[in-house]
Structure formats: C-alpha cells, structure tokens
Amino acid sequence: MTGFYDTTIMNDSRDPRQKALTFRFFSRSFAYPNEAFIKELKTSLEELRDAPDQFREMMAAFEHEGIEALQGEYTRLFLNGYPSTPCVPYESVYLEKRMLGDASIGVQAAYSQWDMTVAPGLIDHIATEFEFLAFLASAESMGGTLGEDARIAAEAFMKEHLCRWMPRLAADLGKAANLEPYRLLAAALQTIHCPV
C-alpha cells in the first residue's frame, strides 16, 4: 500500500491521473440510475487503465439489472426508504443526523479554496465529495507547486471529511443493499484506505 489509497482499487496510487479516474468512477456510481447512467459508468470504467476486477464485476452487475430495478433500489437506499432511509449519502447526516449541518460548511470551505461552487443541496453528498477528490487528483497530475498543493488538499479532505463517515456509509450499504451492484459498491468503498 502506498500513501492513503488501497492499490487494489486505486490502481497505481502514485499516478494521480488514475486516482482521478477512480474517484470519478466512485462518484458516478452514486448517480441516480437514469437512462444515461450505465453508459457514463461504463465510459468511466473504460478510461481506467487496468481497472480492478472489482470494478468490472460491479459494472457487469449494474448492466445485468434492469433500469427500473436499479432506480427502485437507489430510491430505497439513498432517497426515501421506508420506514427509514438506510444510507443517506450526506456527510452531515452521518456526522450530525441532519442535512446541511456544520460538516457541509467545512466541505464548502474546502471547495472554495479551489474556487469550486456546488449546488447547496449537493455540497456534502458522497458523489460530490468523490468528484472533488477527482478534481484534486487531476490538479496533482499537473505537478509542481499546484500538484503538491492538490495532493496535500486531497489528503486533508479525505482525513477531515470523507473518511470520517464514508466507512459507515459503506457498511450500511453492504447490509441494506438487496441488489448485487450496490453490495459490490459497498465492498469497493471498504477497500479505500483512509489516512490516520
């Protein structure tokens, strides 16, 4: 293991471009499964050099399920399950039991340092946090001072934000998912090694 990424998922953890593509794959995995979902996820997977088998399995499982089944499962898991939503994909909900809490203010501050703006309802959504890490990894690939600043910012963001709650979301997802692609997503998330 190199750095704070499990190389089984992060491919070559020294290659920031591959980190960016991996984070983007995770981000897209949390998108609502509309008609473009499978195509976009597949494109993300194809861009990854030597993608892990776990990602290929997950992609095959997503392709195997019908779109309506995926939409129903996504809604139950992440939006409005009954009697409660098992995996609300927001940092504030996991850390503070409410939407748009103090955690979202901290996340927004991290985005602002890189001149990023995000729709208010998506600030601390897991897909947005992964997309921010993809952005930082892309900046890291540019090298120099910018690259080093981006690497440091990504490590801090993982430590201060994503890794404080994502492991619990992954565990909840693993327990609650009825469909294989979301169980595989949970397993993939659990292989991300967080900084200490």
N, C-alpha and C. Protein backbone atom coordinates (compact mmCIF):
# COMPACT_ATOMS: atom_id res chain seq x y z
N MET A 1 0.85 -1.17 0.00
CA MET A 1 0.00 0.00 0.00
C MET A 1 0.89 1.23 0.00
N THR A 2 0.54 2.19 -0.84
CA THR A 2 1.29 3.42 -0.95
C THR A 2 0.38 4.58 -0.60
N GLY A 3 0.87 5.54 0.17
CA GLY A 3 0.03 6.68 0.50
C GLY A 3 -1.19 6.25 1.28
N PHE A 4 -2.32 6.86 0.98
CA PHE A 4 -3.53 6.52 1.72
C PHE A 4 -4.57 5.84 0.86
N TYR A 5 -4.16 5.26 -0.25
CA TYR A 5 -5.08 4.55 -1.12
C TYR A 5 -4.71 3.08 -1.13
N ASP A 6 -5.72 2.23 -1.10
CA ASP A 6 -5.50 0.80 -1.27
C ASP A 6 -5.24 0.58 -2.76
N THR A 7 -4.08 0.08 -3.10
CA THR A 7 -3.72 -0.05 -4.51
C THR A 7 -4.56 -1.10 -5.23
N THR A 8 -5.27 -1.95 -4.53
CA THR A 8 -6.13 -2.90 -5.24
C THR A 8 -7.27 -2.15 -5.93
N ILE A 9 -7.71 -1.04 -5.38
CA ILE A 9 -8.77 -0.25 -6.01
C ILE A 9 -8.18 0.95 -6.72
N MET A 10 -7.20 1.56 -6.18
CA MET A 10 -6.71 2.81 -6.73
C MET A 10 -5.71 2.60 -7.87
N ASN A 11 -5.59 1.36 -8.38
CA ASN A 11 -4.62 1.07 -9.42
C ASN A 11 -3.23 1.46 -8.94
N ASP A 12 -2.53 2.27 -9.70
CA ASP A 12 -1.22 2.73 -9.31
C ASP A 12 -1.40 4.02 -8.51
N SER A 13 -1.29 3.91 -7.19
CA SER A 13 -1.60 5.05 -6.33
C SER A 13 -0.63 6.21 -6.52
N ARG A 14 0.49 5.97 -7.21
CA ARG A 14 1.41 7.07 -7.48
C ARG A 14 0.99 7.86 -8.71
N ASP A 15 0.07 7.35 -9.49
CA ASP A 15 -0.37 8.02 -10.72
C ASP A 15 -1.65 8.82 -10.43
N PRO A 16 -1.52 10.13 -10.28
CA PRO A 16 -2.69 10.94 -9.94
C PRO A 16 -3.80 10.89 -10.99
N ARG A 17 -3.45 10.67 -12.25
CA ARG A 17 -4.50 10.58 -13.28
C ARG A 17 -5.39 9.36 -13.03
N GLN A 18 -4.79 8.26 -12.61
CA GLN A 18 -5.57 7.06 -12.32
C GLN A 18 -6.41 7.25 -11.05
N LYS A 19 -5.84 7.97 -10.07
CA LYS A 19 -6.63 8.30 -8.88
C LYS A 19 -7.85 9.12 -9.27
N ALA A 20 -7.64 10.09 -10.15
CA ALA A 20 -8.76 10.94 -10.58
C ALA A 20 -9.85 10.10 -11.25
N LEU A 21 -9.46 9.21 -12.12
CA LEU A 21 -10.44 8.36 -12.81
C LEU A 21 -11.14 7.41 -11.85
N THR A 22 -10.42 6.94 -10.86
CA THR A 22 -11.03 6.05 -9.87
C THR A 22 -12.04 6.81 -9.02
N PHE A 23 -11.67 7.99 -8.57
CA PHE A 23 -12.62 8.80 -7.80
C PHE A 23 -13.85 9.15 -8.65
N ARG A 24 -13.63 9.43 -9.94
CA ARG A 24 -14.75 9.75 -10.81
C ARG A 24 -15.66 8.53 -10.97
N PHE A 25 -15.08 7.34 -11.05
CA PHE A 25 -15.89 6.12 -11.13
C PHE A 25 -16.75 5.97 -9.87
N PHE A 26 -16.16 6.20 -8.70
CA PHE A 26 -16.94 6.14 -7.47
C PHE A 26 -18.04 7.20 -7.48
N SER A 27 -17.71 8.41 -7.90
CA SER A 27 -18.71 9.47 -7.95
C SER A 27 -19.89 9.08 -8.83
N ARG A 28 -19.60 8.59 -10.02
CA ARG A 28 -20.66 8.20 -10.95
C ARG A 28 -21.45 7.00 -10.45
N SER A 29 -20.84 6.17 -9.63
CA SER A 29 -21.56 5.01 -9.07
C SER A 29 -22.69 5.44 -8.15
N PHE A 30 -22.60 6.66 -7.62
CA PHE A 30 -23.64 7.18 -6.73
C PHE A 30 -24.64 8.09 -7.45
N ALA A 31 -24.60 8.12 -8.76
CA ALA A 31 -25.59 8.89 -9.52
C ALA A 31 -26.90 8.12 -9.58
N TYR A 32 -27.99 8.86 -9.73
CA TYR A 32 -29.29 8.22 -9.91
C TYR A 32 -29.25 7.44 -11.22
N PRO A 33 -29.67 6.19 -11.21
CA PRO A 33 -29.57 5.36 -12.42
C PRO A 33 -30.64 5.67 -13.47
N ASN A 34 -30.43 6.77 -14.20
CA ASN A 34 -31.33 7.11 -15.30
C ASN A 34 -30.85 6.40 -16.57
N GLU A 35 -31.40 6.76 -17.69
CA GLU A 35 -31.05 6.08 -18.95
C GLU A 35 -29.57 6.23 -19.32
N ALA A 36 -28.92 7.32 -18.94
CA ALA A 36 -27.52 7.55 -19.29
C ALA A 36 -26.55 6.93 -18.28
N PHE A 37 -27.06 6.47 -17.15
CA PHE A 37 -26.22 6.00 -16.05
C PHE A 37 -25.24 4.91 -16.48
N ILE A 38 -25.74 3.84 -17.07
CA ILE A 38 -24.89 2.71 -17.44
C ILE A 38 -23.81 3.15 -18.43
N LYS A 39 -24.19 3.93 -19.42
CA LYS A 39 -23.23 4.40 -20.42
C LYS A 39 -22.13 5.24 -19.78
N GLU A 40 -22.50 6.16 -18.90
CA GLU A 40 -21.50 7.02 -18.26
C GLU A 40 -20.59 6.23 -17.32
N LEU A 41 -21.17 5.29 -16.60
CA LEU A 41 -20.35 4.47 -15.70
C LEU A 41 -19.39 3.59 -16.51
N LYS A 42 -19.88 3.05 -17.60
CA LYS A 42 -19.04 2.22 -18.47
C LYS A 42 -17.91 3.04 -19.06
N THR A 43 -18.19 4.27 -19.48
CA THR A 43 -17.16 5.15 -20.01
C THR A 43 -16.10 5.42 -18.94
N SER A 44 -16.53 5.65 -17.71
CA SER A 44 -15.58 5.87 -16.61
C SER A 44 -14.70 4.65 -16.40
N LEU A 45 -15.28 3.48 -16.48
CA LEU A 45 -14.52 2.25 -16.29
C LEU A 45 -13.52 2.05 -17.42
N GLU A 46 -13.93 2.32 -18.65
CA GLU A 46 -13.05 2.14 -19.81
C GLU A 46 -11.85 3.09 -19.76
N GLU A 47 -12.02 4.26 -19.15
CA GLU A 47 -10.93 5.22 -19.05
C GLU A 47 -9.86 4.78 -18.06
N LEU A 48 -10.21 3.92 -17.13
CA LEU A 48 -9.26 3.45 -16.12
C LEU A 48 -8.31 2.43 -16.74
N ARG A 49 -7.04 2.67 -16.62
CA ARG A 49 -6.04 1.73 -17.09
C ARG A 49 -6.00 0.55 -16.11
N ASP A 50 -6.10 -0.64 -16.61
CA ASP A 50 -6.06 -1.84 -15.76
C ASP A 50 -7.02 -1.72 -14.57
N ALA A 51 -8.27 -1.45 -14.87
CA ALA A 51 -9.29 -1.31 -13.81
C ALA A 51 -9.34 -2.57 -12.98
N PRO A 52 -9.55 -2.43 -11.67
CA PRO A 52 -9.62 -3.61 -10.81
C PRO A 52 -10.80 -4.51 -11.19
N ASP A 53 -10.60 -5.79 -10.99
CA ASP A 53 -11.67 -6.76 -11.28
C ASP A 53 -12.95 -6.40 -10.53
N GLN A 54 -12.80 -5.87 -9.33
CA GLN A 54 -13.96 -5.50 -8.52
C GLN A 54 -14.83 -4.47 -9.25
N PHE A 55 -14.22 -3.54 -9.95
CA PHE A 55 -14.97 -2.55 -10.72
C PHE A 55 -15.66 -3.21 -11.91
N ARG A 56 -14.97 -4.15 -12.55
CA ARG A 56 -15.56 -4.85 -13.70
C ARG A 56 -16.77 -5.68 -13.26
N GLU A 57 -16.63 -6.33 -12.12
CA GLU A 57 -17.76 -7.10 -11.56
C GLU A 57 -18.94 -6.19 -11.28
N MET A 58 -18.65 -5.05 -10.67
CA MET A 58 -19.71 -4.10 -10.35
C MET A 58 -20.40 -3.61 -11.63
N MET A 59 -19.61 -3.30 -12.64
CA MET A 59 -20.18 -2.83 -13.91
C MET A 59 -21.08 -3.89 -14.52
N ALA A 60 -20.60 -5.13 -14.52
CA ALA A 60 -21.40 -6.23 -15.07
C ALA A 60 -22.71 -6.39 -14.29
N ALA A 61 -22.63 -6.23 -12.97
CA ALA A 61 -23.84 -6.34 -12.14
C ALA A 61 -24.82 -5.21 -12.43
N PHE A 62 -24.31 -3.98 -12.61
CA PHE A 62 -25.19 -2.86 -12.97
C PHE A 62 -25.85 -3.12 -14.32
N GLU A 63 -25.06 -3.62 -15.29
CA GLU A 63 -25.62 -3.88 -16.62
C GLU A 63 -26.66 -5.00 -16.59
N HIS A 64 -26.48 -5.95 -15.69
CA HIS A 64 -27.39 -7.10 -15.59
C HIS A 64 -28.78 -6.70 -15.08
N GLU A 65 -28.82 -5.73 -14.18
CA GLU A 65 -30.09 -5.31 -13.59
C GLU A 65 -30.86 -4.42 -14.56
N GLY A 66 -32.14 -4.48 -14.51
CA GLY A 66 -32.97 -3.56 -15.29
C GLY A 66 -32.94 -2.17 -14.68
N ILE A 67 -33.14 -1.17 -15.50
CA ILE A 67 -33.08 0.22 -15.03
C ILE A 67 -34.13 0.49 -13.95
N GLU A 68 -35.31 -0.08 -14.09
CA GLU A 68 -36.35 0.15 -13.08
C GLU A 68 -35.97 -0.47 -11.74
N ALA A 69 -35.35 -1.64 -11.77
CA ALA A 69 -34.91 -2.27 -10.53
C ALA A 69 -33.82 -1.42 -9.86
N LEU A 70 -32.90 -0.90 -10.67
CA LEU A 70 -31.84 -0.04 -10.13
C LEU A 70 -32.43 1.24 -9.54
N GLN A 71 -33.38 1.83 -10.23
CA GLN A 71 -34.00 3.05 -9.73
C GLN A 71 -34.74 2.80 -8.41
N GLY A 72 -35.44 1.70 -8.34
CA GLY A 72 -36.14 1.37 -7.10
C GLY A 72 -35.18 1.16 -5.95
N GLU A 73 -34.10 0.44 -6.21
CA GLU A 73 -33.11 0.18 -5.16
C GLU A 73 -32.40 1.47 -4.75
N TYR A 74 -32.04 2.29 -5.72
CA TYR A 74 -31.38 3.56 -5.42
C TYR A 74 -32.29 4.42 -4.53
N THR A 75 -33.54 4.51 -4.92
CA THR A 75 -34.50 5.32 -4.15
C THR A 75 -34.63 4.79 -2.73
N ARG A 76 -34.76 3.49 -2.58
CA ARG A 76 -34.90 2.89 -1.24
C ARG A 76 -33.65 3.10 -0.40
N LEU A 77 -32.48 2.92 -1.00
CA LEU A 77 -31.23 3.02 -0.25
C LEU A 77 -30.84 4.46 0.10
N PHE A 78 -30.99 5.37 -0.86
CA PHE A 78 -30.39 6.69 -0.72
C PHE A 78 -31.37 7.86 -0.60
N LEU A 79 -32.62 7.67 -1.02
CA LEU A 79 -33.53 8.82 -1.06
C LEU A 79 -34.65 8.76 -0.03
N ASN A 80 -35.47 7.73 -0.11
CA ASN A 80 -36.60 7.69 0.82
C ASN A 80 -37.11 6.28 1.06
N GLY A 81 -36.27 5.49 1.70
CA GLY A 81 -36.68 4.14 2.07
C GLY A 81 -37.69 4.17 3.20
N TYR A 82 -38.47 3.10 3.31
CA TYR A 82 -39.46 3.02 4.38
C TYR A 82 -39.09 1.87 5.29
N PRO A 83 -39.12 2.01 6.58
CA PRO A 83 -39.55 3.16 7.37
C PRO A 83 -38.49 4.25 7.51
N SER A 84 -37.27 3.96 7.11
CA SER A 84 -36.24 4.99 7.13
C SER A 84 -35.28 4.71 5.97
N THR A 85 -34.53 5.72 5.60
CA THR A 85 -33.57 5.59 4.50
C THR A 85 -32.28 5.03 5.08
N PRO A 86 -31.85 3.84 4.65
CA PRO A 86 -30.71 3.19 5.30
C PRO A 86 -29.35 3.82 5.03
N CYS A 87 -29.18 4.55 3.93
CA CYS A 87 -27.86 5.04 3.54
C CYS A 87 -27.94 6.46 2.98
N VAL A 88 -28.35 7.40 3.76
CA VAL A 88 -28.45 8.77 3.27
C VAL A 88 -27.02 9.23 2.94
N PRO A 89 -26.73 9.52 1.67
CA PRO A 89 -25.34 9.74 1.25
C PRO A 89 -24.79 11.14 1.48
N TYR A 90 -25.02 11.68 2.68
CA TYR A 90 -24.57 13.02 3.03
C TYR A 90 -23.74 12.98 4.30
N GLU A 91 -22.60 13.65 4.27
CA GLU A 91 -21.72 13.71 5.42
C GLU A 91 -22.44 14.26 6.65
N SER A 92 -23.19 15.35 6.51
CA SER A 92 -23.88 15.95 7.66
C SER A 92 -24.84 14.98 8.33
N VAL A 93 -25.52 14.17 7.53
CA VAL A 93 -26.47 13.21 8.11
C VAL A 93 -25.72 12.18 8.94
N TYR A 94 -24.60 11.68 8.44
CA TYR A 94 -23.84 10.68 9.18
C TYR A 94 -23.18 11.26 10.43
N LEU A 95 -22.70 12.49 10.34
CA LEU A 95 -21.97 13.06 11.48
C LEU A 95 -22.85 13.82 12.45
N GLU A 96 -23.95 14.42 11.95
CA GLU A 96 -24.76 15.30 12.79
C GLU A 96 -26.24 14.95 12.82
N LYS A 97 -26.61 13.93 12.07
CA LYS A 97 -28.02 13.49 12.00
C LYS A 97 -28.95 14.57 11.44
N ARG A 98 -28.42 15.45 10.55
CA ARG A 98 -29.25 16.46 9.91
C ARG A 98 -28.60 16.88 8.60
N MET A 99 -29.42 17.39 7.70
CA MET A 99 -28.93 17.89 6.41
C MET A 99 -28.29 19.26 6.59
N LEU A 100 -27.29 19.54 5.76
CA LEU A 100 -26.63 20.84 5.70
C LEU A 100 -26.17 21.34 7.07
N GLY A 101 -25.54 20.45 7.80
CA GLY A 101 -25.00 20.81 9.11
C GLY A 101 -23.63 21.45 9.00
N ASP A 102 -22.94 21.49 10.12
CA ASP A 102 -21.61 22.10 10.16
C ASP A 102 -20.63 21.41 9.20
N ALA A 103 -20.79 20.09 9.03
CA ALA A 103 -19.90 19.37 8.10
C ALA A 103 -19.99 19.94 6.70
N SER A 104 -21.19 20.31 6.27
CA SER A 104 -21.33 20.85 4.91
C SER A 104 -20.64 22.21 4.80
N ILE A 105 -20.57 22.95 5.89
CA ILE A 105 -19.87 24.24 5.88
C ILE A 105 -18.37 24.00 5.69
N GLY A 106 -17.84 23.00 6.38
CA GLY A 106 -16.42 22.65 6.22
C GLY A 106 -16.09 22.15 4.83
N VAL A 107 -16.99 21.35 4.27
CA VAL A 107 -16.80 20.85 2.91
C VAL A 107 -16.82 22.02 1.92
N GLN A 108 -17.80 22.91 2.09
CA GLN A 108 -17.89 24.07 1.21
C GLN A 108 -16.63 24.93 1.30
N ALA A 109 -16.06 25.06 2.49
CA ALA A 109 -14.82 25.84 2.65
C ALA A 109 -13.68 25.19 1.85
N ALA A 110 -13.61 23.85 1.87
CA ALA A 110 -12.58 23.15 1.10
C ALA A 110 -12.77 23.40 -0.40
N TYR A 111 -14.01 23.34 -0.86
CA TYR A 111 -14.29 23.61 -2.27
C TYR A 111 -13.90 25.05 -2.63
N SER A 112 -14.25 25.98 -1.77
CA SER A 112 -13.98 27.39 -2.04
C SER A 112 -12.49 27.68 -2.18
N GLN A 113 -11.66 26.96 -1.44
CA GLN A 113 -10.21 27.15 -1.55
C GLN A 113 -9.71 26.85 -2.96
N TRP A 114 -10.48 26.06 -3.69
CA TRP A 114 -10.13 25.70 -5.07
C TRP A 114 -11.10 26.33 -6.07
N ASP A 115 -11.79 27.36 -5.64
CA ASP A 115 -12.73 28.11 -6.49
C ASP A 115 -13.81 27.23 -7.11
N MET A 116 -14.27 26.26 -6.36
CA MET A 116 -15.35 25.39 -6.83
C MET A 116 -16.65 25.79 -6.18
N THR A 117 -17.70 25.78 -6.96
CA THR A 117 -19.04 26.01 -6.40
C THR A 117 -19.89 24.79 -6.69
N VAL A 118 -20.75 24.49 -5.74
CA VAL A 118 -21.60 23.31 -5.82
C VAL A 118 -23.01 23.71 -5.41
N ALA A 119 -24.00 23.12 -6.04
CA ALA A 119 -25.39 23.38 -5.67
C ALA A 119 -25.57 23.09 -4.17
N PRO A 120 -26.26 23.96 -3.45
CA PRO A 120 -26.37 23.82 -1.99
C PRO A 120 -26.84 22.44 -1.51
N GLY A 121 -27.76 21.81 -2.19
CA GLY A 121 -28.25 20.52 -1.74
C GLY A 121 -27.31 19.36 -1.97
N LEU A 122 -26.19 19.61 -2.69
CA LEU A 122 -25.25 18.53 -3.00
C LEU A 122 -23.88 18.72 -2.37
N ILE A 123 -23.73 19.73 -1.53
CA ILE A 123 -22.41 20.08 -1.00
C ILE A 123 -21.69 18.88 -0.39
N ASP A 124 -22.34 18.17 0.52
CA ASP A 124 -21.65 17.08 1.20
C ASP A 124 -22.19 15.70 0.80
N HIS A 125 -22.75 15.62 -0.41
CA HIS A 125 -23.17 14.33 -0.98
C HIS A 125 -21.92 13.54 -1.34
N ILE A 126 -21.95 12.25 -1.16
CA ILE A 126 -20.75 11.44 -1.41
C ILE A 126 -20.26 11.56 -2.85
N ALA A 127 -21.17 11.65 -3.81
CA ALA A 127 -20.75 11.78 -5.22
C ALA A 127 -19.98 13.08 -5.43
N THR A 128 -20.42 14.15 -4.79
CA THR A 128 -19.74 15.44 -4.92
C THR A 128 -18.37 15.40 -4.25
N GLU A 129 -18.30 14.75 -3.10
CA GLU A 129 -17.00 14.65 -2.41
C GLU A 129 -16.01 13.84 -3.25
N PHE A 130 -16.47 12.75 -3.86
CA PHE A 130 -15.59 11.98 -4.74
C PHE A 130 -15.20 12.80 -5.98
N GLU A 131 -16.13 13.57 -6.51
CA GLU A 131 -15.82 14.39 -7.69
C GLU A 131 -14.77 15.45 -7.33
N PHE A 132 -14.85 16.01 -6.13
CA PHE A 132 -13.85 16.98 -5.68
C PHE A 132 -12.48 16.30 -5.58
N LEU A 133 -12.44 15.09 -5.05
CA LEU A 133 -11.16 14.36 -4.98
C LEU A 133 -10.63 14.04 -6.38
N ALA A 134 -11.52 13.77 -7.33
CA ALA A 134 -11.09 13.56 -8.71
C ALA A 134 -10.47 14.84 -9.27
N PHE A 135 -11.10 15.97 -8.98
CA PHE A 135 -10.56 17.26 -9.41
C PHE A 135 -9.17 17.49 -8.82
N LEU A 136 -9.03 17.24 -7.53
CA LEU A 136 -7.73 17.44 -6.88
C LEU A 136 -6.66 16.51 -7.44
N ALA A 137 -7.03 15.26 -7.71
CA ALA A 137 -6.06 14.33 -8.29
C ALA A 137 -5.65 14.78 -9.70
N SER A 138 -6.59 15.33 -10.45
CA SER A 138 -6.25 15.87 -11.78
C SER A 138 -5.28 17.04 -11.64
N ALA A 139 -5.52 17.89 -10.66
CA ALA A 139 -4.61 19.02 -10.41
C ALA A 139 -3.24 18.50 -9.97
N GLU A 140 -3.24 17.45 -9.16
CA GLU A 140 -1.97 16.85 -8.71
C GLU A 140 -1.16 16.36 -9.90
N SER A 141 -1.83 15.84 -10.92
CA SER A 141 -1.13 15.30 -12.09
C SER A 141 -0.38 16.38 -12.87
N MET A 142 -0.69 17.65 -12.61
CA MET A 142 -0.01 18.74 -13.30
C MET A 142 1.38 19.00 -12.73
N GLY A 143 1.65 18.43 -11.55
CA GLY A 143 2.97 18.56 -10.96
C GLY A 143 3.24 19.94 -10.37
N GLY A 144 4.47 20.15 -10.00
CA GLY A 144 4.89 21.43 -9.45
C GLY A 144 4.19 21.78 -8.14
N THR A 145 4.17 23.05 -7.84
CA THR A 145 3.55 23.54 -6.61
C THR A 145 2.06 23.25 -6.60
N LEU A 146 1.41 23.45 -7.74
CA LEU A 146 -0.02 23.16 -7.83
C LEU A 146 -0.29 21.70 -7.51
N GLY A 147 0.49 20.81 -8.08
CA GLY A 147 0.32 19.38 -7.84
C GLY A 147 0.51 19.02 -6.38
N GLU A 148 1.52 19.59 -5.78
CA GLU A 148 1.78 19.29 -4.36
C GLU A 148 0.68 19.85 -3.48
N ASP A 149 0.23 21.07 -3.78
CA ASP A 149 -0.87 21.66 -3.01
C ASP A 149 -2.13 20.81 -3.14
N ALA A 150 -2.40 20.31 -4.34
CA ALA A 150 -3.58 19.47 -4.55
C ALA A 150 -3.46 18.15 -3.80
N ARG A 151 -2.27 17.55 -3.81
CA ARG A 151 -2.07 16.29 -3.08
C ARG A 151 -2.31 16.49 -1.59
N ILE A 152 -1.79 17.56 -1.04
CA ILE A 152 -1.96 17.87 0.39
C ILE A 152 -3.44 18.15 0.69
N ALA A 153 -4.09 18.90 -0.20
CA ALA A 153 -5.52 19.21 -0.01
C ALA A 153 -6.36 17.94 -0.05
N ALA A 154 -6.03 17.02 -0.96
CA ALA A 154 -6.78 15.76 -1.06
C ALA A 154 -6.62 14.92 0.19
N GLU A 155 -5.40 14.84 0.69
CA GLU A 155 -5.16 14.05 1.91
C GLU A 155 -5.92 14.67 3.09
N ALA A 156 -5.89 16.00 3.20
CA ALA A 156 -6.61 16.68 4.27
C ALA A 156 -8.11 16.46 4.13
N PHE A 157 -8.63 16.54 2.89
CA PHE A 157 -10.07 16.36 2.67
C PHE A 157 -10.50 14.94 3.03
N MET A 158 -9.69 13.98 2.63
CA MET A 158 -10.01 12.59 2.99
C MET A 158 -10.07 12.45 4.52
N LYS A 159 -9.09 12.98 5.19
CA LYS A 159 -8.98 12.83 6.63
C LYS A 159 -10.07 13.60 7.38
N GLU A 160 -10.32 14.84 6.96
CA GLU A 160 -11.25 15.71 7.67
C GLU A 160 -12.71 15.51 7.28
N HIS A 161 -12.92 14.90 6.12
CA HIS A 161 -14.30 14.78 5.63
C HIS A 161 -14.65 13.35 5.24
N LEU A 162 -14.30 12.93 4.05
CA LEU A 162 -14.79 11.66 3.51
C LEU A 162 -14.56 10.47 4.45
N CYS A 163 -13.38 10.38 5.00
CA CYS A 163 -13.06 9.20 5.82
C CYS A 163 -13.67 9.24 7.22
N ARG A 164 -14.27 10.34 7.59
CA ARG A 164 -14.95 10.40 8.88
C ARG A 164 -16.32 9.73 8.82
N TRP A 165 -16.85 9.53 7.60
CA TRP A 165 -18.20 8.98 7.52
C TRP A 165 -18.39 7.92 6.44
N MET A 166 -17.59 7.95 5.39
CA MET A 166 -17.76 7.01 4.29
C MET A 166 -17.65 5.55 4.72
N PRO A 167 -16.75 5.17 5.65
CA PRO A 167 -16.72 3.77 6.05
C PRO A 167 -18.05 3.30 6.67
N ARG A 168 -18.71 4.17 7.41
CA ARG A 168 -20.03 3.80 7.97
C ARG A 168 -21.08 3.68 6.88
N LEU A 169 -21.05 4.59 5.92
CA LEU A 169 -21.97 4.50 4.79
C LEU A 169 -21.74 3.19 4.04
N ALA A 170 -20.48 2.84 3.81
CA ALA A 170 -20.17 1.59 3.10
C ALA A 170 -20.70 0.38 3.86
N ALA A 171 -20.51 0.38 5.18
CA ALA A 171 -21.01 -0.74 6.00
C ALA A 171 -22.54 -0.80 5.93
N ASP A 172 -23.20 0.34 6.05
CA ASP A 172 -24.67 0.38 5.97
C ASP A 172 -25.15 -0.09 4.60
N LEU A 173 -24.45 0.34 3.55
CA LEU A 173 -24.82 -0.06 2.20
C LEU A 173 -24.66 -1.57 2.02
N GLY A 174 -23.58 -2.10 2.55
CA GLY A 174 -23.37 -3.55 2.46
C GLY A 174 -24.47 -4.35 3.13
N LYS A 175 -24.98 -3.83 4.23
CA LYS A 175 -26.06 -4.53 4.96
C LYS A 175 -27.42 -4.33 4.31
N ALA A 176 -27.66 -3.15 3.78
CA ALA A 176 -29.01 -2.80 3.31
C ALA A 176 -29.28 -3.14 1.85
N ALA A 177 -28.24 -3.24 1.03
CA ALA A 177 -28.44 -3.44 -0.41
C ALA A 177 -29.06 -4.80 -0.70
N ASN A 178 -30.09 -4.79 -1.51
CA ASN A 178 -30.71 -6.03 -1.99
C ASN A 178 -30.17 -6.45 -3.34
N LEU A 179 -29.66 -5.48 -4.11
CA LEU A 179 -29.14 -5.79 -5.44
C LEU A 179 -27.61 -5.86 -5.42
N GLU A 180 -27.10 -6.80 -6.19
CA GLU A 180 -25.66 -7.08 -6.24
C GLU A 180 -24.79 -5.86 -6.57
N PRO A 181 -25.16 -5.01 -7.53
CA PRO A 181 -24.24 -3.89 -7.83
C PRO A 181 -23.99 -2.98 -6.64
N TYR A 182 -24.99 -2.77 -5.81
CA TYR A 182 -24.79 -1.90 -4.65
C TYR A 182 -24.05 -2.62 -3.53
N ARG A 183 -24.18 -3.95 -3.44
CA ARG A 183 -23.34 -4.69 -2.49
C ARG A 183 -21.88 -4.63 -2.91
N LEU A 184 -21.64 -4.74 -4.22
CA LEU A 184 -20.27 -4.64 -4.74
C LEU A 184 -19.70 -3.24 -4.57
N LEU A 185 -20.53 -2.22 -4.72
CA LEU A 185 -20.09 -0.85 -4.47
C LEU A 185 -19.67 -0.69 -3.02
N ALA A 186 -20.45 -1.24 -2.11
CA ALA A 186 -20.11 -1.18 -0.68
C ALA A 186 -18.76 -1.84 -0.42
N ALA A 187 -18.54 -3.01 -1.02
CA ALA A 187 -17.28 -3.72 -0.83
C ALA A 187 -16.11 -2.91 -1.40
N ALA A 188 -16.31 -2.27 -2.55
CA ALA A 188 -15.24 -1.46 -3.14
C ALA A 188 -14.92 -0.27 -2.25
N LEU A 189 -15.93 0.38 -1.70
CA LEU A 189 -15.70 1.51 -0.80
C LEU A 189 -14.89 1.09 0.42
N GLN A 190 -15.15 -0.11 0.90
CA GLN A 190 -14.46 -0.58 2.10
C GLN A 190 -12.98 -0.85 1.87
N THR A 191 -12.54 -0.86 0.62
CA THR A 191 -11.11 -1.06 0.36
C THR A 191 -10.33 0.24 0.29
N ILE A 192 -11.02 1.37 0.36
CA ILE A 192 -10.31 2.66 0.35
C ILE A 192 -9.67 2.83 1.72
N HIS A 193 -8.37 2.98 1.70
CA HIS A 193 -7.63 3.15 2.94
C HIS A 193 -7.59 4.64 3.30
N CYS A 194 -8.06 4.95 4.48
CA CYS A 194 -8.11 6.34 4.92
C CYS A 194 -6.85 6.73 5.67
N PRO A 195 -6.43 7.99 5.53
CA PRO A 195 -5.25 8.46 6.27
C PRO A 195 -5.53 8.50 7.77
N VAL A 196 -4.49 8.33 8.55
CA VAL A 196 -4.65 8.38 10.00
C VAL A 196 -4.19 9.69 10.56
